[in-house]
């Protein structure tokens, strides 16, 4: 099997059709009689991880509590810490938990690190009376 080196500097990643003449490796010459098409996958360098991530904050139900995000913004630098606070303002509702992606937190104030885009949900509930 012959090895072919194709310089890829300046070529976009993707699949490219390359037309080549097949030569006789023993004669070290290119044959004008044999032609073939080979498919080459050009893979560029790995993409750098994003330097910023977004945080979407929701509450359920949406009309019984106050959500505070500190610092107060939606786009954060990678690794930045964010404090989320939830407070009830409609009685008799109470704070239940935070769900940040699939991670559950029972404290009403939490600090998370932005290492990817996140969705944070503050859940409130009606207390159980016995």
N, C-alpha and C. Protein backbone atom coordinates (compact mmCIF):
# COMPACT_ATOMS: atom_id res chain seq x y z
N UNK A 1 0.84 -1.16 0.00
CA UNK A 1 0.00 0.00 0.00
C UNK A 1 0.90 1.24 0.00
N UNK A 2 0.59 2.15 -0.86
CA UNK A 2 1.38 3.38 -0.96
C UNK A 2 0.86 4.41 0.02
N UNK A 3 1.78 5.22 0.50
CA UNK A 3 1.40 6.30 1.40
C UNK A 3 1.48 7.60 0.64
N UNK A 4 0.44 8.43 0.80
CA UNK A 4 0.40 9.71 0.11
C UNK A 4 0.31 10.80 1.16
N UNK A 5 1.14 11.80 1.04
CA UNK A 5 1.09 12.94 1.94
C UNK A 5 0.56 14.13 1.17
N UNK A 6 -0.49 14.72 1.72
CA UNK A 6 -1.11 15.88 1.07
C UNK A 6 -1.02 17.05 2.04
N UNK A 7 -0.34 18.12 1.67
CA UNK A 7 -0.31 19.28 2.57
C UNK A 7 -1.70 19.87 2.70
N UNK A 8 -2.12 20.14 3.94
CA UNK A 8 -3.48 20.63 4.16
C UNK A 8 -3.53 22.06 4.66
N UNK A 9 -2.41 22.74 4.70
CA UNK A 9 -2.41 24.13 5.17
C UNK A 9 -3.31 24.97 4.27
N UNK A 10 -4.24 25.68 4.88
CA UNK A 10 -5.13 26.55 4.12
C UNK A 10 -6.31 25.84 3.51
N UNK A 11 -6.44 24.52 3.71
CA UNK A 11 -7.57 23.77 3.17
C UNK A 11 -8.59 23.59 4.27
N UNK A 12 -9.85 23.88 3.97
CA UNK A 12 -10.90 23.74 4.97
C UNK A 12 -11.15 22.27 5.28
N UNK A 13 -11.59 22.01 6.53
CA UNK A 13 -11.94 20.64 6.90
C UNK A 13 -13.11 20.19 6.05
N UNK A 14 -13.19 18.91 5.77
CA UNK A 14 -14.28 18.35 4.98
C UNK A 14 -13.81 17.14 4.21
N UNK A 15 -14.65 16.66 3.32
CA UNK A 15 -14.30 15.53 2.47
C UNK A 15 -14.05 16.06 1.07
N UNK A 16 -12.93 15.69 0.52
CA UNK A 16 -12.52 16.19 -0.78
C UNK A 16 -12.24 15.02 -1.71
N UNK A 17 -12.61 15.15 -2.98
CA UNK A 17 -12.23 14.16 -3.99
C UNK A 17 -10.88 14.59 -4.55
N UNK A 18 -9.96 13.64 -4.59
CA UNK A 18 -8.62 13.91 -5.09
C UNK A 18 -8.40 13.02 -6.30
N UNK A 19 -7.98 13.60 -7.40
CA UNK A 19 -7.72 12.83 -8.61
C UNK A 19 -6.22 12.57 -8.68
N UNK A 20 -5.86 11.32 -8.84
CA UNK A 20 -4.45 10.97 -8.80
C UNK A 20 -4.13 9.98 -9.92
N UNK A 21 -2.93 10.06 -10.38
CA UNK A 21 -2.43 9.06 -11.32
C UNK A 21 -1.69 8.02 -10.49
N UNK A 22 -1.96 6.75 -10.77
CA UNK A 22 -1.33 5.67 -10.03
C UNK A 22 -0.07 5.26 -10.78
N UNK A 23 1.03 5.24 -10.07
CA UNK A 23 2.30 4.90 -10.71
C UNK A 23 2.81 3.56 -10.24
N UNK A 24 3.81 3.09 -10.88
CA UNK A 24 4.47 1.85 -10.52
C UNK A 24 5.52 2.19 -9.47
N UNK A 25 5.31 1.77 -8.20
CA UNK A 25 6.26 2.16 -7.15
C UNK A 25 7.66 1.61 -7.38
N UNK A 26 7.77 0.48 -8.10
CA UNK A 26 9.10 -0.07 -8.36
C UNK A 26 9.86 0.76 -9.37
N UNK A 27 9.14 1.27 -10.35
CA UNK A 27 9.79 2.06 -11.39
C UNK A 27 9.92 3.53 -10.97
N UNK A 28 9.24 3.90 -9.87
CA UNK A 28 9.25 5.27 -9.38
C UNK A 28 8.85 6.26 -10.48
N UNK A 29 7.85 5.84 -11.24
CA UNK A 29 7.36 6.70 -12.31
C UNK A 29 5.84 6.70 -12.28
N UNK A 30 5.23 7.73 -12.79
CA UNK A 30 3.78 7.81 -12.85
C UNK A 30 3.33 7.25 -14.19
N UNK A 31 2.40 6.34 -14.12
CA UNK A 31 1.91 5.70 -15.33
C UNK A 31 0.84 6.56 -15.97
N UNK A 32 0.93 6.79 -17.26
CA UNK A 32 -0.13 7.54 -17.95
C UNK A 32 -1.36 6.66 -18.21
N UNK A 33 -1.30 5.36 -17.89
CA UNK A 33 -2.37 4.43 -18.23
C UNK A 33 -3.32 4.14 -17.06
N UNK A 34 -2.90 4.33 -15.83
CA UNK A 34 -3.74 4.00 -14.67
C UNK A 34 -4.15 5.28 -13.96
N UNK A 35 -5.43 5.46 -13.83
CA UNK A 35 -5.98 6.62 -13.13
C UNK A 35 -7.00 6.11 -12.13
N UNK A 36 -7.13 6.80 -11.02
CA UNK A 36 -8.10 6.40 -10.01
C UNK A 36 -8.52 7.63 -9.23
N UNK A 37 -9.62 7.52 -8.54
CA UNK A 37 -10.10 8.58 -7.67
C UNK A 37 -10.08 8.05 -6.26
N UNK A 38 -9.48 8.81 -5.36
CA UNK A 38 -9.49 8.43 -3.95
C UNK A 38 -10.21 9.51 -3.18
N UNK A 39 -10.79 9.12 -2.09
CA UNK A 39 -11.51 10.09 -1.24
C UNK A 39 -10.64 10.34 0.00
N UNK A 40 -10.44 11.62 0.29
CA UNK A 40 -9.59 12.02 1.40
C UNK A 40 -10.41 12.86 2.37
N UNK A 41 -10.30 12.54 3.63
CA UNK A 41 -10.95 13.34 4.67
C UNK A 41 -9.89 14.27 5.25
N UNK A 42 -10.11 15.57 5.10
CA UNK A 42 -9.19 16.57 5.64
C UNK A 42 -9.76 17.02 6.97
N UNK A 43 -9.02 16.80 8.02
CA UNK A 43 -9.46 17.18 9.36
C UNK A 43 -8.55 18.27 9.87
N UNK A 44 -9.16 19.39 10.22
CA UNK A 44 -8.40 20.52 10.73
C UNK A 44 -8.03 20.31 12.18
N UNK A 45 -7.33 21.25 12.75
CA UNK A 45 -6.97 21.14 14.16
C UNK A 45 -8.22 21.18 15.03
N UNK A 46 -8.18 20.59 16.22
CA UNK A 46 -9.37 20.60 17.07
C UNK A 46 -9.77 22.02 17.42
N UNK A 47 -11.08 22.23 17.52
CA UNK A 47 -11.57 23.56 17.86
C UNK A 47 -11.28 23.85 19.32
N UNK A 48 -10.92 25.08 19.59
CA UNK A 48 -10.70 25.50 20.97
C UNK A 48 -12.05 25.54 21.69
N UNK A 49 -12.06 25.20 22.97
CA UNK A 49 -13.33 25.26 23.70
C UNK A 49 -13.82 26.70 23.76
N UNK A 50 -15.12 26.88 23.88
CA UNK A 50 -15.64 28.25 23.95
C UNK A 50 -15.08 28.97 25.18
N UNK A 51 -14.97 30.27 25.07
CA UNK A 51 -14.49 31.05 26.21
C UNK A 51 -15.64 31.69 26.97
N UNK A 52 -16.85 31.60 26.44
CA UNK A 52 -18.02 32.15 27.11
C UNK A 52 -19.16 31.16 27.06
N UNK A 53 -19.98 31.19 28.10
CA UNK A 53 -21.14 30.29 28.19
C UNK A 53 -22.36 31.10 28.62
N UNK A 54 -23.54 30.59 28.24
CA UNK A 54 -24.78 31.27 28.60
C UNK A 54 -25.48 30.54 29.73
N UNK A 55 -26.17 31.31 30.53
CA UNK A 55 -26.97 30.77 31.64
C UNK A 55 -28.40 31.23 31.43
N UNK A 56 -29.31 30.27 31.37
CA UNK A 56 -30.73 30.57 31.29
C UNK A 56 -31.34 30.19 32.63
N UNK A 57 -32.05 31.13 33.27
CA UNK A 57 -32.64 30.90 34.58
C UNK A 57 -34.15 30.94 34.44
N UNK A 58 -34.81 29.91 35.01
CA UNK A 58 -36.27 29.79 34.96
C UNK A 58 -36.79 29.51 36.36
N UNK A 59 -38.11 29.71 36.55
CA UNK A 59 -38.72 29.31 37.81
C UNK A 59 -40.05 28.64 37.52
N UNK A 60 -40.43 27.73 38.43
CA UNK A 60 -41.67 26.97 38.26
C UNK A 60 -42.37 26.85 39.61
N UNK A 61 -43.60 27.34 39.75
CA UNK A 61 -44.25 28.23 38.78
C UNK A 61 -43.55 29.58 38.73
N UNK A 62 -43.83 30.30 37.69
CA UNK A 62 -43.06 31.52 37.43
C UNK A 62 -43.53 32.76 38.15
N UNK A 63 -44.57 32.67 38.97
CA UNK A 63 -45.12 33.89 39.55
C UNK A 63 -45.16 33.88 41.08
N UNK A 64 -44.35 33.06 41.73
CA UNK A 64 -44.41 32.98 43.20
C UNK A 64 -43.08 33.32 43.88
N UNK A 65 -42.03 33.52 43.11
CA UNK A 65 -40.73 33.76 43.71
C UNK A 65 -39.91 34.78 42.95
N UNK A 66 -38.87 35.25 43.61
CA UNK A 66 -37.92 36.19 43.01
C UNK A 66 -36.60 35.46 42.85
N UNK A 67 -36.03 35.54 41.66
CA UNK A 67 -34.75 34.91 41.34
C UNK A 67 -33.72 36.00 41.20
N UNK A 68 -32.57 35.81 41.83
CA UNK A 68 -31.47 36.77 41.73
C UNK A 68 -30.25 36.04 41.17
N UNK A 69 -29.61 36.64 40.17
CA UNK A 69 -28.39 36.10 39.56
C UNK A 69 -27.29 37.12 39.81
N UNK A 70 -26.17 36.66 40.38
CA UNK A 70 -25.07 37.57 40.66
C UNK A 70 -23.75 36.95 40.19
N UNK A 71 -23.05 37.61 39.28
CA UNK A 71 -23.35 38.90 38.68
C UNK A 71 -24.56 38.80 37.75
N UNK A 72 -25.27 39.92 37.63
CA UNK A 72 -26.54 39.98 36.90
C UNK A 72 -26.29 40.10 35.40
N UNK A 73 -26.14 38.94 34.76
CA UNK A 73 -25.94 38.89 33.31
C UNK A 73 -26.29 37.48 32.83
N UNK A 74 -26.28 37.25 31.53
CA UNK A 74 -26.62 35.93 30.98
C UNK A 74 -25.45 35.25 30.28
N UNK A 75 -24.39 35.99 29.98
CA UNK A 75 -23.20 35.42 29.32
C UNK A 75 -22.03 35.56 30.29
N UNK A 76 -21.32 34.43 30.51
CA UNK A 76 -20.25 34.39 31.49
C UNK A 76 -18.98 33.84 30.87
N UNK A 77 -17.85 34.26 31.41
CA UNK A 77 -16.57 33.72 30.97
C UNK A 77 -16.44 32.28 31.47
N UNK A 78 -15.72 31.46 30.73
CA UNK A 78 -15.49 30.07 31.15
C UNK A 78 -14.83 30.07 32.52
N UNK A 79 -15.37 29.27 33.45
CA UNK A 79 -14.82 29.17 34.79
C UNK A 79 -15.36 30.20 35.77
N UNK A 80 -16.14 31.15 35.31
CA UNK A 80 -16.67 32.19 36.19
C UNK A 80 -17.70 31.61 37.15
N UNK A 81 -17.70 32.09 38.40
CA UNK A 81 -18.67 31.65 39.40
C UNK A 81 -19.91 32.53 39.34
N UNK A 82 -21.07 31.92 39.54
CA UNK A 82 -22.35 32.61 39.51
C UNK A 82 -23.13 32.18 40.75
N UNK A 83 -23.70 33.15 41.44
CA UNK A 83 -24.54 32.85 42.60
C UNK A 83 -26.00 33.02 42.21
N UNK A 84 -26.79 31.99 42.48
CA UNK A 84 -28.23 32.00 42.20
C UNK A 84 -28.97 31.98 43.53
N UNK A 85 -29.96 32.85 43.68
CA UNK A 85 -30.77 32.90 44.88
C UNK A 85 -32.24 32.88 44.49
N UNK A 86 -33.03 32.16 45.28
CA UNK A 86 -34.47 32.10 45.07
C UNK A 86 -35.16 32.44 46.37
N UNK A 87 -36.17 33.31 46.28
CA UNK A 87 -36.91 33.73 47.47
C UNK A 87 -38.39 33.77 47.13
N UNK A 88 -39.21 33.21 48.01
CA UNK A 88 -40.66 33.19 47.84
C UNK A 88 -41.23 34.57 48.16
N UNK A 89 -42.20 35.03 47.36
CA UNK A 89 -42.89 36.27 47.72
C UNK A 89 -44.40 36.10 47.75
N UNK A 90 -44.89 34.88 47.52
CA UNK A 90 -46.33 34.61 47.61
C UNK A 90 -46.53 33.48 48.62
N UNK A 91 -47.22 33.79 49.72
CA UNK A 91 -47.51 32.76 50.72
C UNK A 91 -48.70 31.93 50.22
N UNK A 92 -48.76 30.68 50.51
CA UNK A 92 -47.92 29.88 51.40
C UNK A 92 -46.85 29.09 50.65
N UNK A 93 -46.51 29.49 49.43
CA UNK A 93 -45.50 28.77 48.66
C UNK A 93 -44.17 28.74 49.41
N UNK A 94 -43.34 27.72 49.09
CA UNK A 94 -42.00 27.63 49.66
C UNK A 94 -41.04 27.16 48.57
N UNK A 95 -39.77 27.51 48.78
CA UNK A 95 -38.74 27.06 47.83
C UNK A 95 -38.56 25.56 47.99
N UNK A 96 -38.42 24.85 46.86
CA UNK A 96 -38.22 23.39 46.88
C UNK A 96 -36.78 23.03 46.55
N UNK A 97 -36.30 23.43 45.36
CA UNK A 97 -34.94 23.06 44.94
C UNK A 97 -34.54 23.81 43.68
N UNK A 98 -33.25 23.79 43.42
CA UNK A 98 -32.68 24.21 42.14
C UNK A 98 -32.37 22.96 41.34
N UNK A 99 -32.64 22.99 40.05
CA UNK A 99 -32.17 21.97 39.12
C UNK A 99 -31.29 22.70 38.10
N UNK A 100 -30.03 22.35 38.08
CA UNK A 100 -29.09 22.94 37.12
C UNK A 100 -28.64 21.80 36.24
N UNK A 101 -29.14 21.81 35.00
CA UNK A 101 -29.05 20.65 34.12
C UNK A 101 -29.61 19.46 34.89
N UNK A 102 -28.85 18.44 35.18
CA UNK A 102 -29.40 17.28 35.89
C UNK A 102 -28.97 17.24 37.35
N UNK A 103 -28.31 18.30 37.82
CA UNK A 103 -27.84 18.36 39.20
C UNK A 103 -28.87 19.06 40.09
N UNK A 104 -29.20 18.44 41.25
CA UNK A 104 -30.18 19.01 42.16
C UNK A 104 -29.48 19.65 43.36
N UNK A 105 -29.98 20.84 43.76
CA UNK A 105 -29.49 21.55 44.93
C UNK A 105 -30.70 21.93 45.78
N UNK A 106 -30.66 21.68 47.09
CA UNK A 106 -31.81 21.99 47.94
C UNK A 106 -31.68 23.34 48.63
N UNK A 107 -30.51 23.94 48.65
CA UNK A 107 -30.34 25.27 49.25
C UNK A 107 -30.95 26.32 48.32
N UNK A 108 -31.52 27.36 48.90
CA UNK A 108 -32.13 28.41 48.07
C UNK A 108 -31.09 29.33 47.44
N UNK A 109 -29.88 29.33 47.97
CA UNK A 109 -28.78 30.09 47.36
C UNK A 109 -27.64 29.14 47.06
N UNK A 110 -27.21 29.13 45.81
CA UNK A 110 -26.14 28.24 45.37
C UNK A 110 -25.14 29.02 44.54
N UNK A 111 -23.93 28.49 44.44
CA UNK A 111 -22.91 29.05 43.56
C UNK A 111 -22.49 27.96 42.59
N UNK A 112 -22.54 28.29 41.31
CA UNK A 112 -22.16 27.32 40.27
C UNK A 112 -21.01 27.90 39.47
N UNK A 113 -20.27 27.03 38.80
CA UNK A 113 -19.16 27.44 37.93
C UNK A 113 -19.60 27.22 36.49
N UNK A 114 -19.38 28.22 35.67
CA UNK A 114 -19.78 28.14 34.27
C UNK A 114 -18.71 27.41 33.46
N UNK A 115 -18.98 26.12 33.17
CA UNK A 115 -18.05 25.31 32.37
C UNK A 115 -18.72 24.81 31.10
N UNK A 116 -19.97 25.24 30.89
CA UNK A 116 -20.74 24.92 29.67
C UNK A 116 -22.01 25.77 29.73
N UNK A 117 -22.79 25.78 28.66
CA UNK A 117 -24.08 26.45 28.69
C UNK A 117 -24.97 25.71 29.68
N UNK A 118 -25.67 26.46 30.54
CA UNK A 118 -26.48 25.85 31.59
C UNK A 118 -27.89 26.41 31.61
N UNK A 119 -28.82 25.57 32.06
CA UNK A 119 -30.19 26.00 32.36
C UNK A 119 -30.42 25.71 33.82
N UNK A 120 -30.80 26.74 34.58
CA UNK A 120 -31.06 26.60 36.01
C UNK A 120 -32.55 26.84 36.25
N UNK A 121 -33.18 25.91 36.94
CA UNK A 121 -34.62 26.00 37.23
C UNK A 121 -34.82 26.05 38.74
N UNK A 122 -35.45 27.12 39.22
CA UNK A 122 -35.84 27.22 40.63
C UNK A 122 -37.25 26.67 40.74
N UNK A 123 -37.43 25.64 41.56
CA UNK A 123 -38.75 25.03 41.74
C UNK A 123 -39.33 25.42 43.10
N UNK A 124 -40.57 25.88 43.07
CA UNK A 124 -41.29 26.21 44.29
C UNK A 124 -42.42 25.20 44.46
N UNK A 125 -42.91 25.06 45.70
CA UNK A 125 -44.00 24.11 45.95
C UNK A 125 -44.90 24.65 47.05
N UNK A 126 -46.09 24.10 47.07
CA UNK A 126 -47.03 24.39 48.16
C UNK A 126 -46.65 23.48 49.31
N UNK A 127 -46.63 23.98 50.54
CA UNK A 127 -46.29 23.11 51.67
C UNK A 127 -47.38 22.07 51.90
N UNK A 128 -46.94 20.94 52.44
CA UNK A 128 -47.90 19.88 52.78
C UNK A 128 -48.39 20.11 54.19
N UNK A 129 -49.69 20.19 54.33
CA UNK A 129 -50.27 20.38 55.66
C UNK A 129 -50.76 19.03 56.17
N UNK A 130 -50.54 18.75 57.44
CA UNK A 130 -50.95 17.46 58.01
C UNK A 130 -51.90 17.68 59.15
